[in-house]
């Protein structure tokens, strides 16, 4: 019974409507990635499981789909931060979609800068303490080389000639109750 109530409440909270009452699409992570061109600069609700919340400033999350594809979630305002307890939870996130395209030219620039990349969005990592620890252990260049190699492998298998990094700027977040959490009675 509690599971059914959780589903009804979640459906009500994440009902895809914009602030002006227009309906928005509700998608899984993989559906958003496959159709990103259709949704860029549009508001959607995307569902997936959080596999990482940035420990540096809690302003980035990785949301994973059923097939392992990942999108980046950022807060919709400068002041907002994500709760670290979101990790492992399934969320429905309402927000505006953007796409960054990474090309071989971008990879060459990143490689020349020799800066360890954020594993969420492939931008230079901002966590100075983490970078300092890597440098002290002389692991920063090895990690960068693995990151660059991974990006290049994805580029090789891309039919488009670029890698699409999909981001949602979150305006609303709802935790979707898990089945096993709601079977107690």
C-alpha atoms as a PDB file:
ATOM      1  CA  UNK A   1       0.000   0.000   0.000  1.00  0.00           C
ATOM      2  CA  UNK A   2       2.788   2.449   0.902  1.00  0.00           C
ATOM      3  CA  UNK A   3       4.439   1.685  -2.432  1.00  0.00           C
ATOM      4  CA  UNK A   4       1.256   2.662  -4.296  1.00  0.00           C
ATOM      5  CA  UNK A   5       0.953   5.870  -2.269  1.00  0.00           C
ATOM      6  CA  UNK A   6       4.616   6.652  -3.034  1.00  0.00           C
ATOM      7  CA  UNK A   7       3.993   6.203  -6.748  1.00  0.00           C
ATOM      8  CA  UNK A   8       0.902   8.423  -6.683  1.00  0.00           C
ATOM      9  CA  UNK A   9       2.729  11.159  -4.746  1.00  0.00           C
ATOM     10  CA  UNK A  10       5.750  10.939  -7.048  1.00  0.00           C
ATOM     11  CA  UNK A  11       3.575  11.093 -10.151  1.00  0.00           C
ATOM     12  CA  UNK A  12       1.827  14.167  -8.770  1.00  0.00           C
ATOM     13  CA  UNK A  13       5.068  15.928  -7.812  1.00  0.00           C
ATOM     14  CA  UNK A  14       6.846  15.276 -11.076  1.00  0.00           C
ATOM     15  CA  UNK A  15       3.900  15.737 -13.383  1.00  0.00           C
ATOM     16  CA  UNK A  16       5.563  17.366 -16.305  1.00  0.00           C
ATOM     17  CA  UNK A  17       4.237  20.905 -16.321  1.00  0.00           C
ATOM     18  CA  UNK A  18       6.114  24.146 -16.801  1.00  0.00           C
ATOM     19  CA  UNK A  19       5.495  27.182 -14.641  1.00  0.00           C
ATOM     20  CA  UNK A  20       2.946  28.392 -17.206  1.00  0.00           C
ATOM     21  CA  UNK A  21       1.093  25.056 -17.035  1.00  0.00           C
ATOM     22  CA  UNK A  22       2.344  23.560 -20.313  1.00  0.00           C
ATOM     23  CA  UNK A  23       3.048  19.822 -20.327  1.00  0.00           C
ATOM     24  CA  UNK A  24       6.697  18.733 -20.565  1.00  0.00           C
ATOM     25  CA  UNK A  25       8.027  15.330 -21.599  1.00  0.00           C
ATOM     26  CA  UNK A  26       9.150  12.813 -18.978  1.00  0.00           C
ATOM     27  CA  UNK A  27      12.112  10.751 -20.169  1.00  0.00           C
ATOM     28  CA  UNK A  28      14.602   8.185 -19.018  1.00  0.00           C
ATOM     29  CA  UNK A  29      18.300   9.148 -19.285  1.00  0.00           C
ATOM     30  CA  UNK A  30      18.832   7.119 -22.459  1.00  0.00           C
ATOM     31  CA  UNK A  31      15.746   8.634 -24.111  1.00  0.00           C
ATOM     32  CA  UNK A  32      17.050  12.131 -23.449  1.00  0.00           C
ATOM     33  CA  UNK A  33      20.516  11.304 -24.801  1.00  0.00           C
ATOM     34  CA  UNK A  34      19.114   9.653 -27.943  1.00  0.00           C
ATOM     35  CA  UNK A  35      16.859  12.641 -28.661  1.00  0.00           C
ATOM     36  CA  UNK A  36      18.910  15.520 -27.247  1.00  0.00           C
ATOM     37  CA  UNK A  37      18.518  17.626 -30.417  1.00  0.00           C
ATOM     38  CA  UNK A  38      14.756  17.684 -29.819  1.00  0.00           C
ATOM     39  CA  UNK A  39      15.119  18.861 -26.196  1.00  0.00           C
ATOM     40  CA  UNK A  40      18.000  21.395 -26.167  1.00  0.00           C
ATOM     41  CA  UNK A  41      16.801  24.609 -24.430  1.00  0.00           C
ATOM     42  CA  UNK A  42      13.530  22.910 -23.451  1.00  0.00           C
ATOM     43  CA  UNK A  43      12.256  21.879 -20.051  1.00  0.00           C
ATOM     44  CA  UNK A  44      11.880  18.146 -19.395  1.00  0.00           C
ATOM     45  CA  UNK A  45      11.607  15.720 -16.520  1.00  0.00           C
ATOM     46  CA  UNK A  46      14.369  13.098 -16.626  1.00  0.00           C
ATOM     47  CA  UNK A  47      14.507   9.990 -14.448  1.00  0.00           C
ATOM     48  CA  UNK A  48      17.604   8.042 -13.447  1.00  0.00           C
ATOM     49  CA  UNK A  49      19.791   6.881 -10.561  1.00  0.00           C
ATOM     50  CA  UNK A  50      22.434   9.151  -9.044  1.00  0.00           C
ATOM     51  CA  UNK A  51      25.863   7.502  -9.150  1.00  0.00           C
ATOM     52  CA  UNK A  52      27.916  10.516  -8.064  1.00  0.00           C
ATOM     53  CA  UNK A  53      27.512  13.853  -6.301  1.00  0.00           C
ATOM     54  CA  UNK A  54      30.576  16.095  -6.614  1.00  0.00           C
ATOM     55  CA  UNK A  55      32.262  16.170  -3.214  1.00  0.00           C
ATOM     56  CA  UNK A  56      34.043  19.458  -3.997  1.00  0.00           C
ATOM     57  CA  UNK A  57      31.033  21.783  -4.086  1.00  0.00           C
ATOM     58  CA  UNK A  58      27.940  19.538  -4.448  1.00  0.00           C
ATOM     59  CA  UNK A  59      27.044  21.354  -7.674  1.00  0.00           C
ATOM     60  CA  UNK A  60      27.257  18.437 -10.119  1.00  0.00           C
ATOM     61  CA  UNK A  61      25.642  15.015 -10.168  1.00  0.00           C
ATOM     62  CA  UNK A  62      25.902  12.061 -12.525  1.00  0.00           C
ATOM     63  CA  UNK A  63      22.559  10.507 -13.405  1.00  0.00           C
ATOM     64  CA  UNK A  64      22.776   7.046 -14.988  1.00  0.00           C
ATOM     65  CA  UNK A  65      20.245   5.286 -17.159  1.00  0.00           C
ATOM     66  CA  UNK A  66      19.359   1.617 -17.384  1.00  0.00           C
ATOM     67  CA  UNK A  67      21.906   1.092 -20.191  1.00  0.00           C
ATOM     68  CA  UNK A  68      24.792   2.832 -18.368  1.00  0.00           C
ATOM     69  CA  UNK A  69      24.610   6.142 -20.227  1.00  0.00           C
ATOM     70  CA  UNK A  70      25.214   9.221 -18.076  1.00  0.00           C
ATOM     71  CA  UNK A  71      24.051  12.820 -18.047  1.00  0.00           C
ATOM     72  CA  UNK A  72      25.209  15.713 -15.892  1.00  0.00           C
ATOM     73  CA  UNK A  73      22.835  17.489 -13.536  1.00  0.00           C
ATOM     74  CA  UNK A  74      23.573  21.019 -12.314  1.00  0.00           C
ATOM     75  CA  UNK A  75      21.507  23.186  -9.986  1.00  0.00           C
ATOM     76  CA  UNK A  76      19.356  25.774 -11.713  1.00  0.00           C
ATOM     77  CA  UNK A  77      20.557  28.608  -9.460  1.00  0.00           C
ATOM     78  CA  UNK A  78      23.992  29.759  -8.337  1.00  0.00           C
ATOM     79  CA  UNK A  79      23.155  29.293  -4.650  1.00  0.00           C
ATOM     80  CA  UNK A  80      21.767  25.766  -4.897  1.00  0.00           C
ATOM     81  CA  UNK A  81      23.732  22.644  -3.991  1.00  0.00           C
ATOM     82  CA  UNK A  82      22.812  18.972  -4.121  1.00  0.00           C
ATOM     83  CA  UNK A  83      22.366  16.763  -1.084  1.00  0.00           C
ATOM     84  CA  UNK A  84      25.127  14.124  -0.930  1.00  0.00           C
ATOM     85  CA  UNK A  85      22.439  11.669   0.224  1.00  0.00           C
ATOM     86  CA  UNK A  86      21.045  11.650  -3.344  1.00  0.00           C
ATOM     87  CA  UNK A  87      23.814   9.191  -4.266  1.00  0.00           C
ATOM     88  CA  UNK A  88      22.252   5.799  -4.970  1.00  0.00           C
ATOM     89  CA  UNK A  89      18.728   7.188  -5.155  1.00  0.00           C
ATOM     90  CA  UNK A  90      16.467   7.280  -8.192  1.00  0.00           C
ATOM     91  CA  UNK A  91      15.391  10.834  -8.966  1.00  0.00           C
ATOM     92  CA  UNK A  92      13.006  12.650 -11.254  1.00  0.00           C
ATOM     93  CA  UNK A  93      14.606  15.947 -12.189  1.00  0.00           C
ATOM     94  CA  UNK A  94      12.788  18.774 -13.896  1.00  0.00           C
ATOM     95  CA  UNK A  95      15.010  21.233 -15.727  1.00  0.00           C
ATOM     96  CA  UNK A  96      16.266  22.763 -18.942  1.00  0.00           C
ATOM     97  CA  UNK A  97      18.445  20.658 -21.261  1.00  0.00           C
ATOM     98  CA  UNK A  98      21.740  21.721 -22.820  1.00  0.00           C
ATOM     99  CA  UNK A  99      24.342  19.879 -24.867  1.00  0.00           C
ATOM    100  CA  UNK A 100      28.102  20.307 -25.134  1.00  0.00           C
ATOM    101  CA  UNK A 101      29.831  18.625 -28.057  1.00  0.00           C
ATOM    102  CA  UNK A 102      33.378  17.367 -27.558  1.00  0.00           C
ATOM    103  CA  UNK A 103      35.428  17.013 -30.745  1.00  0.00           C
ATOM    104  CA  UNK A 104      38.973  15.827 -31.430  1.00  0.00           C
ATOM    105  CA  UNK A 105      40.035  19.492 -31.504  1.00  0.00           C
ATOM    106  CA  UNK A 106      38.686  19.901 -27.950  1.00  0.00           C
ATOM    107  CA  UNK A 107      40.580  16.790 -26.861  1.00  0.00           C
ATOM    108  CA  UNK A 108      43.851  18.193 -28.241  1.00  0.00           C
ATOM    109  CA  UNK A 109      43.324  21.422 -26.266  1.00  0.00           C
ATOM    110  CA  UNK A 110      42.583  19.473 -23.062  1.00  0.00           C
ATOM    111  CA  UNK A 111      45.632  17.286 -23.647  1.00  0.00           C
ATOM    112  CA  UNK A 112      47.905  20.324 -24.175  1.00  0.00           C
ATOM    113  CA  UNK A 113      46.682  21.953 -20.939  1.00  0.00           C
ATOM    114  CA  UNK A 114      47.629  18.809 -18.989  1.00  0.00           C
ATOM    115  CA  UNK A 115      44.814  19.428 -16.526  1.00  0.00           C
ATOM    116  CA  UNK A 116      43.024  16.556 -14.795  1.00  0.00           C
ATOM    117  CA  UNK A 117      39.426  16.490 -15.975  1.00  0.00           C
ATOM    118  CA  UNK A 118      36.214  16.231 -14.017  1.00  0.00           C
ATOM    119  CA  UNK A 119      34.885  12.747 -14.719  1.00  0.00           C
ATOM    120  CA  UNK A 120      31.357  14.142 -14.905  1.00  0.00           C
ATOM    121  CA  UNK A 121      31.671  16.699 -17.687  1.00  0.00           C
ATOM    122  CA  UNK A 122      35.274  16.533 -18.948  1.00  0.00           C
ATOM    123  CA  UNK A 123      35.929  20.138 -17.881  1.00  0.00           C
ATOM    124  CA  UNK A 124      39.061  20.886 -15.800  1.00  0.00           C
ATOM    125  CA  UNK A 125      38.568  19.564 -12.258  1.00  0.00           C
ATOM    126  CA  UNK A 126      38.032  22.344  -9.704  1.00  0.00           C
ATOM    127  CA  UNK A 127      38.835  20.279  -6.613  1.00  0.00           C
ATOM    128  CA  UNK A 128      42.277  21.701  -5.758  1.00  0.00           C
ATOM    129  CA  UNK A 129      42.845  19.341  -2.818  1.00  0.00           C
ATOM    130  CA  UNK A 130      42.126  16.307  -4.997  1.00  0.00           C
ATOM    131  CA  UNK A 131      44.448  17.590  -7.744  1.00  0.00           C
ATOM    132  CA  UNK A 132      47.201  18.311  -5.166  1.00  0.00           C
ATOM    133  CA  UNK A 133      46.917  14.744  -3.813  1.00  0.00           C
ATOM    134  CA  UNK A 134      47.218  13.352  -7.351  1.00  0.00           C
ATOM    135  CA  UNK A 135      50.234  15.538  -8.102  1.00  0.00           C
ATOM    136  CA  UNK A 136      51.932  14.517  -4.849  1.00  0.00           C
ATOM    137  CA  UNK A 137      51.497  10.870  -5.840  1.00  0.00           C
ATOM    138  CA  UNK A 138      52.521  11.719  -9.424  1.00  0.00           C
ATOM    139  CA  UNK A 139      49.262  10.236 -10.685  1.00  0.00           C
ATOM    140  CA  UNK A 140      47.690  13.313 -12.303  1.00  0.00           C
ATOM    141  CA  UNK A 141      49.228  12.816 -15.772  1.00  0.00           C
ATOM    142  CA  UNK A 142      48.458   9.092 -15.790  1.00  0.00           C
ATOM    143  CA  UNK A 143      44.838   9.845 -14.945  1.00  0.00           C
ATOM    144  CA  UNK A 144      44.662  12.570 -17.598  1.00  0.00           C
ATOM    145  CA  UNK A 145      46.112  10.189 -20.203  1.00  0.00           C
ATOM    146  CA  UNK A 146      43.485   7.539 -19.321  1.00  0.00           C
ATOM    147  CA  UNK A 147      40.744  10.189 -19.533  1.00  0.00           C
ATOM    148  CA  UNK A 148      41.973  11.420 -22.935  1.00  0.00           C
ATOM    149  CA  UNK A 149      42.273   7.845 -24.199  1.00  0.00           C
ATOM    150  CA  UNK A 150      38.694   7.112 -23.078  1.00  0.00           C
ATOM    151  CA  UNK A 151      37.355  10.231 -24.808  1.00  0.00           C
ATOM    152  CA  UNK A 152      39.209   9.333 -28.016  1.00  0.00           C
ATOM    153  CA  UNK A 153      37.775   5.788 -27.943  1.00  0.00           C
ATOM    154  CA  UNK A 154      34.272   7.237 -27.664  1.00  0.00           C
ATOM    155  CA  UNK A 155      35.020   9.655 -30.497  1.00  0.00           C
ATOM    156  CA  UNK A 156      36.173   6.771 -32.736  1.00  0.00           C
ATOM    157  CA  UNK A 157      32.903   4.924 -32.191  1.00  0.00           C
ATOM    158  CA  UNK A 158      30.794   8.047 -32.674  1.00  0.00           C
ATOM    159  CA  UNK A 159      29.073   8.314 -36.026  1.00  0.00           C
ATOM    160  CA  UNK A 160      28.570  12.052 -35.472  1.00  0.00           C
ATOM    161  CA  UNK A 161      32.235  12.993 -35.068  1.00  0.00           C
ATOM    162  CA  UNK A 162      31.689  14.297 -31.541  1.00  0.00           C
ATOM    163  CA  UNK A 163      30.691  13.162 -28.074  1.00  0.00           C
ATOM    164  CA  UNK A 164      27.524  14.691 -26.701  1.00  0.00           C
ATOM    165  CA  UNK A 165      27.610  15.748 -23.043  1.00  0.00           C
ATOM    166  CA  UNK A 166      23.991  16.260 -21.973  1.00  0.00           C
ATOM    167  CA  UNK A 167      23.265  18.529 -19.008  1.00  0.00           C
ATOM    168  CA  UNK A 168      20.036  19.331 -17.188  1.00  0.00           C
ATOM    169  CA  UNK A 169      19.851  22.507 -15.073  1.00  0.00           C
ATOM    170  CA  UNK A 170      17.582  21.312 -12.275  1.00  0.00           C
ATOM    171  CA  UNK A 171      14.665  23.437 -11.134  1.00  0.00           C
ATOM    172  CA  UNK A 172      12.921  20.646  -9.194  1.00  0.00           C
ATOM    173  CA  UNK A 173      14.046  17.273  -7.822  1.00  0.00           C
ATOM    174  CA  UNK A 174      11.862  14.439  -6.577  1.00  0.00           C
ATOM    175  CA  UNK A 175      13.152  11.225  -5.018  1.00  0.00           C
ATOM    176  CA  UNK A 176      11.349   8.249  -6.539  1.00  0.00           C
ATOM    177  CA  UNK A 177      10.599   5.673  -3.819  1.00  0.00           C
ATOM    178  CA  UNK A 178      12.291   2.318  -4.310  1.00  0.00           C
ATOM    179  CA  UNK A 179      10.142  -0.800  -4.281  1.00  0.00           C
ATOM    180  CA  UNK A 180      12.061  -2.519  -1.472  1.00  0.00           C
ATOM    181  CA  UNK A 181      11.787   0.569   0.752  1.00  0.00           C
ATOM    182  CA  UNK A 182       8.025   0.477   0.565  1.00  0.00           C
ATOM    183  CA  UNK A 183       7.155  -3.168   1.117  1.00  0.00           C
ATOM    184  CA  UNK A 184       7.345  -3.033   4.933  1.00  0.00           C
ATOM    185  CA  UNK A 185       4.011  -3.475   6.722  1.00  0.00           C
END
